[in-house]
Amino acid sequence: MGADYYQRKHSAVPLGIGANCHIEGAILDKNVSLSHDVVIKPFPRGTEMDQGDWVVQDGIVVIPKGTTLPAGTRIGPD
């Protein structure tokens, strides 16, 4: 995970990963903002889906460039 710039103004969800996040089997692109308590877990191999703010390719969760996920977001198999 990287960033093309530094945030100078405070925003509701700052650039980077918030407190108490649990991330497994995921790719986070540049300039992603995850609020606090976000959970991301991998899907079974071969799973493909597009949910707008995130996609799954071969079971791996991908968070696209510039995405902001709000507090308490849960991504993973049920």
PDB file of N, CA and C in Angstrom:
ATOM      1  N   MET A   1       0.847  -1.169   0.000  1.00  0.00           N
ATOM      2  CA  MET A   1       0.000   0.000   0.000  1.00  0.00           C
ATOM      3  C   MET A   1       0.891   1.229   0.000  1.00  0.00           C
ATOM      4  N   GLY A   2       0.546   2.189  -0.812  1.00  0.00           N
ATOM      5  CA  GLY A   2       1.316   3.424  -0.882  1.00  0.00           C
ATOM      6  C   GLY A   2       0.391   4.595  -1.115  1.00  0.00           C
ATOM      7  N   ALA A   3       0.982   5.755  -1.261  1.00  0.00           N
ATOM      8  CA  ALA A   3       0.193   6.960  -1.496  1.00  0.00           C
ATOM      9  C   ALA A   3       0.930   7.864  -2.473  1.00  0.00           C
ATOM     10  N   ASP A   4       0.186   8.553  -3.303  1.00  0.00           N
ATOM     11  CA  ASP A   4       0.758   9.513  -4.246  1.00  0.00           C
ATOM     12  C   ASP A   4       0.944  10.887  -3.611  1.00  0.00           C
ATOM     13  N   TYR A   5       0.371  11.094  -2.438  1.00  0.00           N
ATOM     14  CA  TYR A   5       0.423  12.393  -1.792  1.00  0.00           C
ATOM     15  C   TYR A   5       0.217  12.223  -0.294  1.00  0.00           C
ATOM     16  N   TYR A   6       0.459  13.281   0.452  1.00  0.00           N
ATOM     17  CA  TYR A   6       0.202  13.310   1.886  1.00  0.00           C
ATOM     18  C   TYR A   6      -1.025  14.168   2.117  1.00  0.00           C
ATOM     19  N   GLN A   7      -1.846  13.768   3.075  1.00  0.00           N
ATOM     20  CA  GLN A   7      -3.019  14.576   3.395  1.00  0.00           C
ATOM     21  C   GLN A   7      -2.598  15.723   4.283  1.00  0.00           C
ATOM     22  N   ARG A   8      -2.976  16.909   3.902  1.00  0.00           N
ATOM     23  CA  ARG A   8      -2.658  18.079   4.714  1.00  0.00           C
ATOM     24  C   ARG A   8      -3.854  18.496   5.566  1.00  0.00           C
ATOM     25  N   LYS A   9      -5.051  18.237   5.067  1.00  0.00           N
ATOM     26  CA  LYS A   9      -6.269  18.561   5.818  1.00  0.00           C
ATOM     27  C   LYS A   9      -6.795  17.283   6.459  1.00  0.00           C
ATOM     28  N   HIS A  10      -7.385  17.437   7.610  1.00  0.00           N
ATOM     29  CA  HIS A  10      -7.981  16.287   8.274  1.00  0.00           C
ATOM     30  C   HIS A  10      -9.315  15.968   7.605  1.00  0.00           C
ATOM     31  N   SER A  11      -9.532  14.698   7.323  1.00  0.00           N
ATOM     32  CA  SER A  11     -10.801  14.289   6.727  1.00  0.00           C
ATOM     33  C   SER A  11     -11.447  13.255   7.637  1.00  0.00           C
ATOM     34  N   ALA A  12     -12.683  12.906   7.333  1.00  0.00           N
ATOM     35  CA  ALA A  12     -13.425  11.946   8.154  1.00  0.00           C
ATOM     36  C   ALA A  12     -12.680  10.620   8.251  1.00  0.00           C
ATOM     37  N   VAL A  13     -12.114  10.159   7.137  1.00  0.00           N
ATOM     38  CA  VAL A  13     -11.329   8.919   7.117  1.00  0.00           C
ATOM     39  C   VAL A  13      -9.959   9.257   6.525  1.00  0.00           C
ATOM     40  N   PRO A  14      -8.927   9.305   7.379  1.00  0.00           N
ATOM     41  CA  PRO A  14      -7.606   9.668   6.857  1.00  0.00           C
ATOM     42  C   PRO A  14      -7.020   8.589   5.950  1.00  0.00           C
ATOM     43  N   LEU A  15      -6.092   8.977   5.131  1.00  0.00           N
ATOM     44  CA  LEU A  15      -5.397   8.075   4.234  1.00  0.00           C
ATOM     45  C   LEU A  15      -4.660   7.015   5.053  1.00  0.00           C
ATOM     46  N   GLY A  16      -4.796   5.753   4.679  1.00  0.00           N
ATOM     47  CA  GLY A  16      -4.118   4.669   5.384  1.00  0.00           C
ATOM     48  C   GLY A  16      -5.101   3.724   6.052  1.00  0.00           C
ATOM     49  N   ILE A  17      -4.598   2.987   7.025  1.00  0.00           N
ATOM     50  CA  ILE A  17      -5.382   1.956   7.713  1.00  0.00           C
ATOM     51  C   ILE A  17      -5.663   2.421   9.133  1.00  0.00           C
ATOM     52  N   GLY A  18      -6.946   2.390   9.513  1.00  0.00           N
ATOM     53  CA  GLY A  18      -7.363   2.836  10.832  1.00  0.00           C
ATOM     54  C   GLY A  18      -7.094   1.816  11.928  1.00  0.00           C
ATOM     55  N   ALA A  19      -7.457   2.165  13.134  1.00  0.00           N
ATOM     56  CA  ALA A  19      -7.245   1.315  14.304  1.00  0.00           C
ATOM     57  C   ALA A  19      -8.135   0.072  14.272  1.00  0.00           C
ATOM     58  N   ASN A  20      -7.645  -0.994  14.859  1.00  0.00           N
ATOM     59  CA  ASN A  20      -8.388  -2.247  15.045  1.00  0.00           C
ATOM     60  C   ASN A  20      -8.855  -2.887  13.738  1.00  0.00           C
ATOM     61  N   CYS A  21      -8.102  -2.723  12.668  1.00  0.00           N
ATOM     62  CA  CYS A  21      -8.435  -3.369  11.397  1.00  0.00           C
ATOM     63  C   CYS A  21      -7.774  -4.748  11.342  1.00  0.00           C
ATOM     64  N   HIS A  22      -8.439  -5.689  10.701  1.00  0.00           N
ATOM     65  CA  HIS A  22      -7.902  -7.042  10.510  1.00  0.00           C
ATOM     66  C   HIS A  22      -7.966  -7.328   9.017  1.00  0.00           C
ATOM     67  N   ILE A  23      -6.802  -7.488   8.380  1.00  0.00           N
ATOM     68  CA  ILE A  23      -6.745  -7.660   6.934  1.00  0.00           C
ATOM     69  C   ILE A  23      -5.961  -8.915   6.599  1.00  0.00           C
ATOM     70  N   GLU A  24      -6.593  -9.817   5.831  1.00  0.00           N
ATOM     71  CA  GLU A  24      -5.953 -11.050   5.366  1.00  0.00           C
ATOM     72  C   GLU A  24      -6.290 -11.230   3.896  1.00  0.00           C
ATOM     73  N   GLY A  25      -5.380 -11.780   3.126  1.00  0.00           N
ATOM     74  CA  GLY A  25      -5.653 -12.146   1.733  1.00  0.00           C
ATOM     75  C   GLY A  25      -6.221 -11.017   0.905  1.00  0.00           C
ATOM     76  N   ALA A  26      -5.595  -9.840   1.003  1.00  0.00           N
ATOM     77  CA  ALA A  26      -6.110  -8.669   0.292  1.00  0.00           C
ATOM     78  C   ALA A  26      -4.979  -7.879  -0.348  1.00  0.00           C
ATOM     79  N   ILE A  27      -5.317  -7.163  -1.411  1.00  0.00           N
ATOM     80  CA  ILE A  27      -4.405  -6.222  -2.045  1.00  0.00           C
ATOM     81  C   ILE A  27      -5.043  -4.847  -1.918  1.00  0.00           C
ATOM     82  N   LEU A  28      -4.320  -3.919  -1.314  1.00  0.00           N
ATOM     83  CA  LEU A  28      -4.799  -2.544  -1.163  1.00  0.00           C
ATOM     84  C   LEU A  28      -3.996  -1.679  -2.123  1.00  0.00           C
ATOM     85  N   ASP A  29      -4.679  -1.032  -3.056  1.00  0.00           N
ATOM     86  CA  ASP A  29      -4.004  -0.180  -4.032  1.00  0.00           C
ATOM     87  C   ASP A  29      -3.636   1.156  -3.383  1.00  0.00           C
ATOM     88  N   LYS A  30      -3.025   2.054  -4.155  1.00  0.00           N
ATOM     89  CA  LYS A  30      -2.605   3.358  -3.651  1.00  0.00           C
ATOM     90  C   LYS A  30      -3.784   4.207  -3.198  1.00  0.00           C
ATOM     91  N   ASN A  31      -3.497   5.092  -2.252  1.00  0.00           N
ATOM     92  CA  ASN A  31      -4.445   6.114  -1.785  1.00  0.00           C
ATOM     93  C   ASN A  31      -5.732   5.531  -1.218  1.00  0.00           C
ATOM     94  N   VAL A  32      -5.651   4.374  -0.587  1.00  0.00           N
ATOM     95  CA  VAL A  32      -6.815   3.742   0.042  1.00  0.00           C
ATOM     96  C   VAL A  32      -6.942   4.254   1.471  1.00  0.00           C
ATOM     97  N   SER A  33      -8.177   4.466   1.904  1.00  0.00           N
ATOM     98  CA  SER A  33      -8.468   4.897   3.277  1.00  0.00           C
ATOM     99  C   SER A  33      -9.406   3.883   3.922  1.00  0.00           C
ATOM    100  N   LEU A  34      -8.938   3.261   5.001  1.00  0.00           N
ATOM    101  CA  LEU A  34      -9.781   2.338   5.759  1.00  0.00           C
ATOM    102  C   LEU A  34     -10.021   2.967   7.120  1.00  0.00           C
ATOM    103  N   SER A  35     -11.277   3.114   7.494  1.00  0.00           N
ATOM    104  CA  SER A  35     -11.604   3.649   8.804  1.00  0.00           C
ATOM    105  C   SER A  35     -11.309   2.578   9.856  1.00  0.00           C
ATOM    106  N   HIS A  36     -11.712   2.803  11.082  1.00  0.00           N
ATOM    107  CA  HIS A  36     -11.450   1.842  12.155  1.00  0.00           C
ATOM    108  C   HIS A  36     -12.372   0.622  12.071  1.00  0.00           C
ATOM    109  N   ASP A  37     -11.927  -0.485  12.650  1.00  0.00           N
ATOM    110  CA  ASP A  37     -12.702  -1.731  12.767  1.00  0.00           C
ATOM    111  C   ASP A  37     -13.116  -2.340  11.430  1.00  0.00           C
ATOM    112  N   VAL A  38     -12.306  -2.188  10.396  1.00  0.00           N
ATOM    113  CA  VAL A  38     -12.573  -2.811   9.096  1.00  0.00           C
ATOM    114  C   VAL A  38     -11.980  -4.224   9.107  1.00  0.00           C
ATOM    115  N   VAL A  39     -12.760  -5.195   8.627  1.00  0.00           N
ATOM    116  CA  VAL A  39     -12.297  -6.578   8.553  1.00  0.00           C
ATOM    117  C   VAL A  39     -12.361  -7.032   7.098  1.00  0.00           C
ATOM    118  N   ILE A  40     -11.245  -7.542   6.592  1.00  0.00           N
ATOM    119  CA  ILE A  40     -11.172  -8.073   5.233  1.00  0.00           C
ATOM    120  C   ILE A  40     -10.561  -9.459   5.310  1.00  0.00           C
ATOM    121  N   LYS A  41     -11.293 -10.465   4.825  1.00  0.00           N
ATOM    122  CA  LYS A  41     -10.806 -11.843   4.821  1.00  0.00           C
ATOM    123  C   LYS A  41     -10.955 -12.422   3.416  1.00  0.00           C
ATOM    124  N   PRO A  42     -10.078 -13.360   3.046  1.00  0.00           N
ATOM    125  CA  PRO A  42     -10.127 -13.913   1.692  1.00  0.00           C
ATOM    126  C   PRO A  42     -11.349 -14.806   1.471  1.00  0.00           C
ATOM    127  N   PHE A  43     -11.728 -14.961   0.214  1.00  0.00           N
ATOM    128  CA  PHE A  43     -12.812 -15.845  -0.196  1.00  0.00           C
ATOM    129  C   PHE A  43     -12.204 -17.165  -0.666  1.00  0.00           C
ATOM    130  N   PRO A  44     -13.000 -18.202  -0.839  1.00  0.00           N
ATOM    131  CA  PRO A  44     -12.458 -19.457  -1.366  1.00  0.00           C
ATOM    132  C   PRO A  44     -11.829 -19.246  -2.739  1.00  0.00           C
ATOM    133  N   ARG A  45     -10.775 -19.981  -3.002  1.00  0.00           N
ATOM    134  CA  ARG A  45     -10.068 -19.877  -4.288  1.00  0.00           C
ATOM    135  C   ARG A  45     -11.050 -20.076  -5.438  1.00  0.00           C
ATOM    136  N   GLY A  46     -10.929 -19.249  -6.463  1.00  0.00           N
ATOM    137  CA  GLY A  46     -11.815 -19.328  -7.622  1.00  0.00           C
ATOM    138  C   GLY A  46     -12.997 -18.378  -7.564  1.00  0.00           C
ATOM    139  N   THR A  47     -13.218 -17.736  -6.419  1.00  0.00           N
ATOM    140  CA  THR A  47     -14.325 -16.786  -6.274  1.00  0.00           C
ATOM    141  C   THR A  47     -14.016 -15.513  -7.057  1.00  0.00           C
ATOM    142  N   GLU A  48     -15.004 -15.049  -7.828  1.00  0.00           N
ATOM    143  CA  GLU A  48     -14.893 -13.811  -8.606  1.00  0.00           C
ATOM    144  C   GLU A  48     -16.145 -12.972  -8.344  1.00  0.00           C
ATOM    145  N   MET A  49     -15.978 -11.703  -7.980  1.00  0.00           N
ATOM    146  CA  MET A  49     -17.129 -10.807  -7.799  1.00  0.00           C
ATOM    147  C   MET A  49     -16.687  -9.362  -7.863  1.00  0.00           C
ATOM    148  N   ASP A  50     -17.631  -8.480  -8.203  1.00  0.00           N
ATOM    149  CA  ASP A  50     -17.380  -7.047  -8.268  1.00  0.00           C
ATOM    150  C   ASP A  50     -18.460  -6.353  -7.453  1.00  0.00           C
ATOM    151  N   GLN A  51     -18.065  -5.730  -6.355  1.00  0.00           N
ATOM    152  CA  GLN A  51     -19.010  -5.064  -5.467  1.00  0.00           C
ATOM    153  C   GLN A  51     -18.900  -3.535  -5.534  1.00  0.00           C
ATOM    154  N   GLY A  52     -18.268  -3.025  -6.565  1.00  0.00           N
ATOM    155  CA  GLY A  52     -18.143  -1.567  -6.727  1.00  0.00           C
ATOM    156  C   GLY A  52     -16.931  -1.025  -5.993  1.00  0.00           C
ATOM    157  N   ASP A  53     -17.002  -0.940  -4.661  1.00  0.00           N
ATOM    158  CA  ASP A  53     -15.883  -0.423  -3.868  1.00  0.00           C
ATOM    159  C   ASP A  53     -14.761  -1.440  -3.725  1.00  0.00           C
ATOM    160  N   TRP A  54     -15.043  -2.692  -4.002  1.00  0.00           N
ATOM    161  CA  TRP A  54     -14.031  -3.741  -3.915  1.00  0.00           C
ATOM    162  C   TRP A  54     -14.390  -4.885  -4.847  1.00  0.00           C
ATOM    163  N   VAL A  55     -13.369  -5.659  -5.221  1.00  0.00           N
ATOM    164  CA  VAL A  55     -13.570  -6.805  -6.097  1.00  0.00           C
ATOM    165  C   VAL A  55     -12.847  -8.013  -5.514  1.00  0.00           C
ATOM    166  N   VAL A  56     -13.248  -9.200  -5.968  1.00  0.00           N
ATOM    167  CA  VAL A  56     -12.570 -10.432  -5.587  1.00  0.00           C
ATOM    168  C   VAL A  56     -12.131 -11.115  -6.868  1.00  0.00           C
ATOM    169  N   GLN A  57     -10.854 -11.447  -6.944  1.00  0.00           N
ATOM    170  CA  GLN A  57     -10.305 -12.144  -8.099  1.00  0.00           C
ATOM    171  C   GLN A  57      -9.562 -13.369  -7.594  1.00  0.00           C
ATOM    172  N   ASP A  58     -10.051 -14.539  -7.991  1.00  0.00           N
ATOM    173  CA  ASP A  58      -9.493 -15.820  -7.556  1.00  0.00           C
ATOM    174  C   ASP A  58      -9.411 -15.902  -6.031  1.00  0.00           C
ATOM    175  N   GLY A  59     -10.412 -15.355  -5.354  1.00  0.00           N
ATOM    176  CA  GLY A  59     -10.501 -15.429  -3.901  1.00  0.00           C
ATOM    177  C   GLY A  59      -9.793 -14.319  -3.156  1.00  0.00           C
ATOM    178  N   ILE A  60      -8.999 -13.511  -3.857  1.00  0.00           N
ATOM    179  CA  ILE A  60      -8.252 -12.428  -3.216  1.00  0.00           C
ATOM    180  C   ILE A  60      -9.058 -11.133  -3.315  1.00  0.00           C
ATOM    181  N   VAL A  61      -9.233 -10.470  -2.187  1.00  0.00           N
ATOM    182  CA  VAL A  61      -9.956  -9.196  -2.160  1.00  0.00           C
ATOM    183  C   VAL A  61      -9.018  -8.089  -2.643  1.00  0.00           C
ATOM    184  N   VAL A  62      -9.502  -7.266  -3.577  1.00  0.00           N
ATOM    185  CA  VAL A  62      -8.727  -6.144  -4.102  1.00  0.00           C
ATOM    186  C   VAL A  62      -9.501  -4.856  -3.822  1.00  0.00           C
ATOM    187  N   ILE A  63      -8.844  -3.934  -3.129  1.00  0.00           N
ATOM    188  CA  ILE A  63      -9.430  -2.620  -2.856  1.00  0.00           C
ATOM    189  C   ILE A  63      -8.786  -1.655  -3.855  1.00  0.00           C
ATOM    190  N   PRO A  64      -9.563  -1.137  -4.827  1.00  0.00           N
ATOM    191  CA  PRO A  64      -9.002  -0.289  -5.889  1.00  0.00           C
ATOM    192  C   PRO A  64      -8.477   1.065  -5.397  1.00  0.00           C
ATOM    193  N   LYS A  65      -7.666   1.677  -6.234  1.00  0.00           N
ATOM    194  CA  LYS A  65      -7.044   2.969  -5.956  1.00  0.00           C
ATOM    195  C   LYS A  65      -8.075   4.025  -5.557  1.00  0.00           C
ATOM    196  N   GLY A  66      -7.778   4.740  -4.470  1.00  0.00           N
ATOM    197  CA  GLY A  66      -8.606   5.862  -4.046  1.00  0.00           C
ATOM    198  C   GLY A  66      -9.882   5.498  -3.306  1.00  0.00           C
ATOM    199  N   THR A  67     -10.063   4.237  -2.955  1.00  0.00           N
ATOM    200  CA  THR A  67     -11.284   3.797  -2.274  1.00  0.00           C
ATOM    201  C   THR A  67     -11.247   4.168  -0.793  1.00  0.00           C
ATOM    202  N   THR A  68     -12.404   4.537  -0.253  1.00  0.00           N
ATOM    203  CA  THR A  68     -12.564   4.783   1.179  1.00  0.00           C
ATOM    204  C   THR A  68     -13.602   3.808   1.716  1.00  0.00           C
ATOM    205  N   LEU A  69     -13.224   3.029   2.741  1.00  0.00           N
ATOM    206  CA  LEU A  69     -14.158   2.106   3.377  1.00  0.00           C
ATOM    207  C   LEU A  69     -14.521   2.651   4.758  1.00  0.00           C
ATOM    208  N   PRO A  70     -15.818   2.775   5.057  1.00  0.00           N
ATOM    209  CA  PRO A  70     -16.251   3.337   6.338  1.00  0.00           C
ATOM    210  C   PRO A  70     -16.009   2.388   7.517  1.00  0.00           C
ATOM    211  N   ALA A  71     -16.120   2.912   8.696  1.00  0.00           N
ATOM    212  CA  ALA A  71     -15.912   2.139   9.928  1.00  0.00           C
ATOM    213  C   ALA A  71     -16.837   0.930   9.979  1.00  0.00           C
ATOM    214  N   GLY A  72     -16.298  -0.184  10.445  1.00  0.00           N
ATOM    215  CA  GLY A  72     -17.095  -1.392  10.630  1.00  0.00           C
ATOM    216  C   GLY A  72     -17.350  -2.186   9.363  1.00  0.00           C
ATOM    217  N   THR A  73     -16.745  -1.835   8.252  1.00  0.00           N
ATOM    218  CA  THR A  73     -16.944  -2.586   7.005  1.00  0.00           C
ATOM    219  C   THR A  73     -16.438  -4.009   7.189  1.00  0.00           C
ATOM    220  N   ARG A  74     -17.231  -4.990   6.731  1.00  0.00           N
ATOM    221  CA  ARG A  74     -16.862  -6.400   6.805  1.00  0.00           C
ATOM    222  C   ARG A  74     -16.873  -6.968   5.391  1.00  0.00           C
ATOM    223  N   ILE A  75     -15.731  -7.465   4.923  1.00  0.00           N
ATOM    224  CA  ILE A  75     -15.618  -8.085   3.618  1.00  0.00           C
ATOM    225  C   ILE A  75     -15.071  -9.487   3.821  1.00  0.00           C
ATOM    226  N   GLY A  76     -15.798 -10.477   3.372  1.00  0.00           N
ATOM    227  CA  GLY A  76     -15.349 -11.860   3.491  1.00  0.00           C
ATOM    228  C   GLY A  76     -16.506 -12.803   3.269  1.00  0.00           C
ATOM    229  N   PRO A  77     -16.197 -14.090   3.195  1.00  0.00           N
ATOM    230  CA  PRO A  77     -17.278 -15.062   2.994  1.00  0.00           C
ATOM    231  C   PRO A  77     -18.162 -15.124   4.241  1.00  0.00           C
ATOM    232  N   ASP A  78     -19.406 -15.464   4.064  1.00  0.00           N
ATOM    233  CA  ASP A  78     -20.353 -15.523   5.212  1.00  0.00           C
ATOM    234  C   ASP A  78     -20.039 -16.623   6.175  1.00  0.00           C
TER     235      ASP A  78
END
